[in-house]
Amino acid sequence: MVDRERVRRDGVPRDERRPEPATALDERTLREAFSCFPSGVIAMCGTEGDDPVGMAVSSFTSVSLAPPLVSVCLQTSSRTWRSLRALPQLGLSVLGEGQDTVCRALAGREEDRFTGVRWKATEHGAVFVHGAIAWFDCTLRDELPAGDHAIALLEVGRLWTVSAADPLVFHGSRFRRLDSGERSAVPA
């Protein structure tokens, strides 16, 4: 009898699969390798005057419980990040399954990003996207240089969540669904 957990769909045992060495360490190869790891997607938004400004970000990470900190990585050349970093409050909306059109809009041209996107602003200028599964009201605590990116450390002041909701998952340059089959709560 074959242990199905240890065999891939093509019949090759999982422990026999081996990555191949990269021929070059260029941008295309790095993007391909980085896309092997799935991630959720957030909308990071605020207001400049009365107008929303924001972007889609797939490099969101929880950092600390005490104090409550999260981080995101952003290209240093991003004009949107230059605008957002100057705002007193930022809204981080964890996009939910089915919000791929919202993600595409927020990753598109700056002047069109909020076309068709429903949003709400707080009194301090954080902007949250309707339909998201969690909202984090944050302030920028620190920014660290990291090559062609910056790591933004954000302190969470308030949050809202939707229980038992599935996130938008980005993997292999495509949006995907989580597997609904429950196997284990603890990674092997």
C-alpha atoms as a PDB file:
ATOM      1  CA  MET A   1       0.000   0.000   0.000  1.00  0.00           C
ATOM      2  CA  VAL A   2       1.283   3.489  -0.904  1.00  0.00           C
ATOM      3  CA  ASP A   3       1.236   6.298   1.664  1.00  0.00           C
ATOM      4  CA  ARG A   4      -0.673   8.993  -0.293  1.00  0.00           C
ATOM      5  CA  GLU A   5       0.720  11.786   1.891  1.00  0.00           C
ATOM      6  CA  ARG A   6       4.246  10.924   0.738  1.00  0.00           C
ATOM      7  CA  VAL A   7       3.521  10.632  -3.012  1.00  0.00           C
ATOM      8  CA  ARG A   8       2.911  13.529  -5.404  1.00  0.00           C
ATOM      9  CA  ARG A   9       0.082  13.424  -7.912  1.00  0.00           C
ATOM     10  CA  ASP A  10       2.513  12.311 -10.648  1.00  0.00           C
ATOM     11  CA  GLY A  11       3.491   9.255  -8.585  1.00  0.00           C
ATOM     12  CA  VAL A  12       6.981  10.443  -7.580  1.00  0.00           C
ATOM     13  CA  PRO A  13       7.652  10.126  -3.836  1.00  0.00           C
ATOM     14  CA  ARG A  14       7.799  13.569  -2.188  1.00  0.00           C
ATOM     15  CA  ASP A  15      11.164  12.915  -0.572  1.00  0.00           C
ATOM     16  CA  GLU A  16      12.708  12.185  -4.010  1.00  0.00           C
ATOM     17  CA  ARG A  17      11.778  15.594  -5.434  1.00  0.00           C
ATOM     18  CA  ARG A  18      14.838  17.838  -5.574  1.00  0.00           C
ATOM     19  CA  PRO A  19      15.171  21.464  -6.721  1.00  0.00           C
ATOM     20  CA  GLU A  20      17.426  22.036  -9.706  1.00  0.00           C
ATOM     21  CA  PRO A  21      20.332  24.507  -9.463  1.00  0.00           C
ATOM     22  CA  ALA A  22      19.618  27.888 -11.063  1.00  0.00           C
ATOM     23  CA  THR A  23      21.779  28.766 -14.067  1.00  0.00           C
ATOM     24  CA  ALA A  24      21.645  32.479 -13.226  1.00  0.00           C
ATOM     25  CA  LEU A  25      20.749  34.622 -10.249  1.00  0.00           C
ATOM     26  CA  ASP A  26      18.925  37.252 -12.298  1.00  0.00           C
ATOM     27  CA  GLU A  27      15.612  39.023 -11.668  1.00  0.00           C
ATOM     28  CA  ARG A  28      13.542  36.546 -13.708  1.00  0.00           C
ATOM     29  CA  THR A  29      15.008  33.515 -11.922  1.00  0.00           C
ATOM     30  CA  LEU A  30      14.575  35.132  -8.515  1.00  0.00           C
ATOM     31  CA  ARG A  31      10.933  36.045  -9.240  1.00  0.00           C
ATOM     32  CA  GLU A  32      10.245  32.473 -10.342  1.00  0.00           C
ATOM     33  CA  ALA A  33      11.855  31.047  -7.193  1.00  0.00           C
ATOM     34  CA  PHE A  34      10.101  33.543  -4.892  1.00  0.00           C
ATOM     35  CA  SER A  35       6.752  32.628  -6.508  1.00  0.00           C
ATOM     36  CA  CYS A  36       7.133  29.070  -5.157  1.00  0.00           C
ATOM     37  CA  PHE A  37       6.027  30.388  -1.761  1.00  0.00           C
ATOM     38  CA  PRO A  38       2.312  31.266  -1.493  1.00  0.00           C
ATOM     39  CA  SER A  39       1.288  34.469   0.230  1.00  0.00           C
ATOM     40  CA  GLY A  40      -1.794  36.365   1.169  1.00  0.00           C
ATOM     41  CA  VAL A  41      -2.432  39.830  -0.212  1.00  0.00           C
ATOM     42  CA  ILE A  42      -3.238  43.024   1.651  1.00  0.00           C
ATOM     43  CA  ALA A  43      -4.347  46.459   0.581  1.00  0.00           C
ATOM     44  CA  MET A  44      -2.277  49.150   2.326  1.00  0.00           C
ATOM     45  CA  CYS A  45      -4.141  52.455   2.098  1.00  0.00           C
ATOM     46  CA  GLY A  46      -4.607  55.911   3.550  1.00  0.00           C
ATOM     47  CA  THR A  47      -5.978  59.303   2.563  1.00  0.00           C
ATOM     48  CA  GLU A  48      -4.204  62.330   1.135  1.00  0.00           C
ATOM     49  CA  GLY A  49      -6.682  65.113   1.649  1.00  0.00           C
ATOM     50  CA  ASP A  50     -10.001  63.523   0.709  1.00  0.00           C
ATOM     51  CA  ASP A  51      -8.536  61.080  -1.809  1.00  0.00           C
ATOM     52  CA  PRO A  52      -7.579  57.472  -1.125  1.00  0.00           C
ATOM     53  CA  VAL A  53      -4.054  56.316  -1.942  1.00  0.00           C
ATOM     54  CA  GLY A  54      -3.001  52.707  -1.696  1.00  0.00           C
ATOM     55  CA  MET A  55      -1.449  49.602  -3.138  1.00  0.00           C
ATOM     56  CA  ALA A  56      -1.613  45.805  -3.099  1.00  0.00           C
ATOM     57  CA  VAL A  57       1.151  44.144  -1.056  1.00  0.00           C
ATOM     58  CA  SER A  58       1.974  40.431  -0.853  1.00  0.00           C
ATOM     59  CA  SER A  59       4.832  40.659   1.647  1.00  0.00           C
ATOM     60  CA  PHE A  60       2.798  41.071   4.850  1.00  0.00           C
ATOM     61  CA  THR A  61       4.156  39.338   7.966  1.00  0.00           C
ATOM     62  CA  SER A  62       3.178  39.239  11.620  1.00  0.00           C
ATOM     63  CA  VAL A  63       6.168  40.272  13.754  1.00  0.00           C
ATOM     64  CA  SER A  64       5.289  40.672  17.437  1.00  0.00           C
ATOM     65  CA  LEU A  65       2.384  40.275  19.851  1.00  0.00           C
ATOM     66  CA  ALA A  66       3.754  42.662  22.485  1.00  0.00           C
ATOM     67  CA  PRO A  67       3.835  45.299  21.152  1.00  0.00           C
ATOM     68  CA  PRO A  68       1.536  44.342  18.250  1.00  0.00           C
ATOM     69  CA  LEU A  69       3.722  44.708  15.139  1.00  0.00           C
ATOM     70  CA  VAL A  70       3.469  43.671  11.497  1.00  0.00           C
ATOM     71  CA  SER A  71       5.788  44.293   8.558  1.00  0.00           C
ATOM     72  CA  VAL A  72       5.533  44.806   4.821  1.00  0.00           C
ATOM     73  CA  CYS A  73       8.241  45.069   2.167  1.00  0.00           C
ATOM     74  CA  LEU A  74       7.985  47.776  -0.487  1.00  0.00           C
ATOM     75  CA  GLN A  75      10.074  48.839  -3.465  1.00  0.00           C
ATOM     76  CA  THR A  76      12.054  51.959  -2.633  1.00  0.00           C
ATOM     77  CA  SER A  77      11.206  53.339  -6.086  1.00  0.00           C
ATOM     78  CA  SER A  78       7.443  53.209  -5.335  1.00  0.00           C
ATOM     79  CA  ARG A  79       5.790  56.641  -5.538  1.00  0.00           C
ATOM     80  CA  THR A  80       2.810  55.210  -3.652  1.00  0.00           C
ATOM     81  CA  TRP A  81       5.005  54.145  -0.732  1.00  0.00           C
ATOM     82  CA  ARG A  82       6.522  57.637  -0.614  1.00  0.00           C
ATOM     83  CA  SER A  83       2.987  59.012  -0.205  1.00  0.00           C
ATOM     84  CA  LEU A  84       1.829  56.383   2.296  1.00  0.00           C
ATOM     85  CA  ARG A  85       4.868  56.608   4.592  1.00  0.00           C
ATOM     86  CA  ALA A  86       4.101  60.291   5.270  1.00  0.00           C
ATOM     87  CA  LEU A  87       0.537  59.606   6.483  1.00  0.00           C
ATOM     88  CA  PRO A  88      -0.296  59.461  10.207  1.00  0.00           C
ATOM     89  CA  GLN A  89      -2.390  56.272   9.928  1.00  0.00           C
ATOM     90  CA  LEU A  90      -2.435  53.389   7.447  1.00  0.00           C
ATOM     91  CA  GLY A  91      -5.191  50.863   6.891  1.00  0.00           C
ATOM     92  CA  LEU A  92      -4.147  47.302   6.073  1.00  0.00           C
ATOM     93  CA  SER A  93      -6.969  45.186   4.657  1.00  0.00           C
ATOM     94  CA  VAL A  94      -6.349  41.439   4.344  1.00  0.00           C
ATOM     95  CA  LEU A  95      -8.053  40.620   1.055  1.00  0.00           C
ATOM     96  CA  GLY A  96     -10.449  37.681   1.043  1.00  0.00           C
ATOM     97  CA  GLU A  97     -11.021  34.896  -1.429  1.00  0.00           C
ATOM     98  CA  GLY A  98     -12.713  36.304  -4.515  1.00  0.00           C
ATOM     99  CA  GLN A  99     -11.182  39.781  -4.189  1.00  0.00           C
ATOM    100  CA  ASP A 100      -8.723  39.246  -7.038  1.00  0.00           C
ATOM    101  CA  THR A 101     -10.314  42.101  -9.029  1.00  0.00           C
ATOM    102  CA  VAL A 102      -9.735  44.431  -6.052  1.00  0.00           C
ATOM    103  CA  CYS A 103      -6.120  43.264  -5.886  1.00  0.00           C
ATOM    104  CA  ARG A 104      -5.607  43.861  -9.611  1.00  0.00           C
ATOM    105  CA  ALA A 105      -7.118  47.348  -9.319  1.00  0.00           C
ATOM    106  CA  LEU A 106      -4.835  48.264  -6.404  1.00  0.00           C
ATOM    107  CA  ALA A 107      -1.816  46.936  -8.309  1.00  0.00           C
ATOM    108  CA  GLY A 108      -2.759  48.913 -11.442  1.00  0.00           C
ATOM    109  CA  ARG A 109      -2.230  52.481 -12.548  1.00  0.00           C
ATOM    110  CA  GLU A 110      -2.180  54.924  -9.619  1.00  0.00           C
ATOM    111  CA  GLU A 111      -4.979  57.124 -10.938  1.00  0.00           C
ATOM    112  CA  ASP A 112      -7.315  54.105 -11.445  1.00  0.00           C
ATOM    113  CA  ARG A 113      -6.615  52.081  -8.287  1.00  0.00           C
ATOM    114  CA  PHE A 114      -9.851  52.822  -6.448  1.00  0.00           C
ATOM    115  CA  THR A 115     -12.165  52.669  -9.473  1.00  0.00           C
ATOM    116  CA  GLY A 116     -14.813  50.105  -8.525  1.00  0.00           C
ATOM    117  CA  VAL A 117     -13.235  49.473  -5.099  1.00  0.00           C
ATOM    118  CA  ARG A 118     -15.524  50.100  -2.116  1.00  0.00           C
ATOM    119  CA  TRP A 119     -13.651  51.590   0.835  1.00  0.00           C
ATOM    120  CA  LYS A 120     -14.068  53.350   4.165  1.00  0.00           C
ATOM    121  CA  ALA A 121     -11.791  55.934   5.807  1.00  0.00           C
ATOM    122  CA  THR A 122     -11.339  56.441   9.549  1.00  0.00           C
ATOM    123  CA  GLU A 123     -11.235  59.847  11.196  1.00  0.00           C
ATOM    124  CA  HIS A 124      -7.408  59.611  11.211  1.00  0.00           C
ATOM    125  CA  GLY A 125      -7.088  58.756   7.521  1.00  0.00           C
ATOM    126  CA  ALA A 126      -6.638  54.971   7.486  1.00  0.00           C
ATOM    127  CA  VAL A 127      -8.489  53.461   4.523  1.00  0.00           C
ATOM    128  CA  PHE A 128     -10.052  49.983   4.619  1.00  0.00           C
ATOM    129  CA  VAL A 129     -11.379  47.923   1.723  1.00  0.00           C
ATOM    130  CA  HIS A 130     -14.910  46.507   2.009  1.00  0.00           C
ATOM    131  CA  GLY A 131     -15.094  42.715   1.771  1.00  0.00           C
ATOM    132  CA  ALA A 132     -11.662  42.167   3.357  1.00  0.00           C
ATOM    133  CA  ILE A 133     -11.367  39.527   6.087  1.00  0.00           C
ATOM    134  CA  ALA A 134      -9.300  41.635   8.512  1.00  0.00           C
ATOM    135  CA  TRP A 135      -8.511  45.305   8.992  1.00  0.00           C
ATOM    136  CA  PHE A 136      -5.437  46.595  10.834  1.00  0.00           C
ATOM    137  CA  ASP A 137      -5.254  50.288  11.769  1.00  0.00           C
ATOM    138  CA  CYS A 138      -1.504  50.998  11.908  1.00  0.00           C
ATOM    139  CA  THR A 139       1.173  53.641  12.332  1.00  0.00           C
ATOM    140  CA  LEU A 140       4.642  53.466  10.811  1.00  0.00           C
ATOM    141  CA  ARG A 141       7.071  52.681  13.620  1.00  0.00           C
ATOM    142  CA  ASP A 142      10.311  52.142  11.667  1.00  0.00           C
ATOM    143  CA  GLU A 143      11.662  51.619   8.171  1.00  0.00           C
ATOM    144  CA  LEU A 144      14.718  49.519   7.391  1.00  0.00           C
ATOM    145  CA  PRO A 145      16.652  49.504   4.100  1.00  0.00           C
ATOM    146  CA  ALA A 146      16.779  46.105   2.381  1.00  0.00           C
ATOM    147  CA  GLY A 147      18.391  46.257  -1.070  1.00  0.00           C
ATOM    148  CA  ASP A 148      15.939  47.676  -3.604  1.00  0.00           C
ATOM    149  CA  HIS A 149      13.165  47.407  -0.989  1.00  0.00           C
ATOM    150  CA  ALA A 150      12.344  48.862   2.412  1.00  0.00           C
ATOM    151  CA  ILE A 151      10.961  46.876   5.319  1.00  0.00           C
ATOM    152  CA  ALA A 152       8.235  48.893   6.998  1.00  0.00           C
ATOM    153  CA  LEU A 153       7.536  47.997  10.619  1.00  0.00           C
ATOM    154  CA  LEU A 154       3.982  48.966  11.541  1.00  0.00           C
ATOM    155  CA  GLU A 155       2.371  49.111  14.982  1.00  0.00           C
ATOM    156  CA  VAL A 156      -1.235  47.910  15.156  1.00  0.00           C
ATOM    157  CA  GLY A 157      -3.523  50.247  17.096  1.00  0.00           C
ATOM    158  CA  ARG A 158      -6.898  48.633  16.347  1.00  0.00           C
ATOM    159  CA  LEU A 159      -8.123  45.638  14.357  1.00  0.00           C
ATOM    160  CA  TRP A 160     -11.290  44.026  13.063  1.00  0.00           C
ATOM    161  CA  THR A 161     -11.671  40.428  11.807  1.00  0.00           C
ATOM    162  CA  VAL A 162     -14.179  38.186  10.063  1.00  0.00           C
ATOM    163  CA  SER A 163     -14.133  34.721  11.585  1.00  0.00           C
ATOM    164  CA  ALA A 164     -13.827  31.600   9.413  1.00  0.00           C
ATOM    165  CA  ALA A 165     -13.141  33.475   6.173  1.00  0.00           C
ATOM    166  CA  ASP A 166     -10.631  32.396   3.528  1.00  0.00           C
ATOM    167  CA  PRO A 167      -7.885  34.772   2.347  1.00  0.00           C
ATOM    168  CA  LEU A 168      -6.915  35.673  -1.186  1.00  0.00           C
ATOM    169  CA  VAL A 169      -3.859  33.501  -1.935  1.00  0.00           C
ATOM    170  CA  PHE A 170      -1.198  34.413  -4.502  1.00  0.00           C
ATOM    171  CA  HIS A 171       1.108  31.597  -5.669  1.00  0.00           C
ATOM    172  CA  GLY A 172       3.015  30.997  -8.882  1.00  0.00           C
ATOM    173  CA  SER A 173       1.854  34.357 -10.284  1.00  0.00           C
ATOM    174  CA  ARG A 174      -1.798  33.273  -9.971  1.00  0.00           C
ATOM    175  CA  PHE A 175      -4.602  33.592  -7.446  1.00  0.00           C
ATOM    176  CA  ARG A 176      -5.466  30.274  -5.813  1.00  0.00           C
ATOM    177  CA  ARG A 177      -7.913  28.766  -3.326  1.00  0.00           C
ATOM    178  CA  LEU A 178      -7.050  27.091  -0.065  1.00  0.00           C
ATOM    179  CA  ASP A 179      -7.640  23.347   0.095  1.00  0.00           C
ATOM    180  CA  SER A 180     -10.741  22.768   2.196  1.00  0.00           C
ATOM    181  CA  GLY A 181      -9.574  19.298   3.309  1.00  0.00           C
ATOM    182  CA  GLU A 182      -8.339  19.417   6.886  1.00  0.00           C
ATOM    183  CA  ARG A 183      -5.240  17.300   7.511  1.00  0.00           C
ATOM    184  CA  SER A 184      -3.299  18.686  10.442  1.00  0.00           C
ATOM    185  CA  ALA A 185      -3.167  21.846  12.496  1.00  0.00           C
ATOM    186  CA  VAL A 186       0.599  21.509  12.995  1.00  0.00           C
ATOM    187  CA  PRO A 187       3.102  21.597  10.108  1.00  0.00           C
ATOM    188  CA  ALA A 188       5.090  18.378   9.785  1.00  0.00           C
END
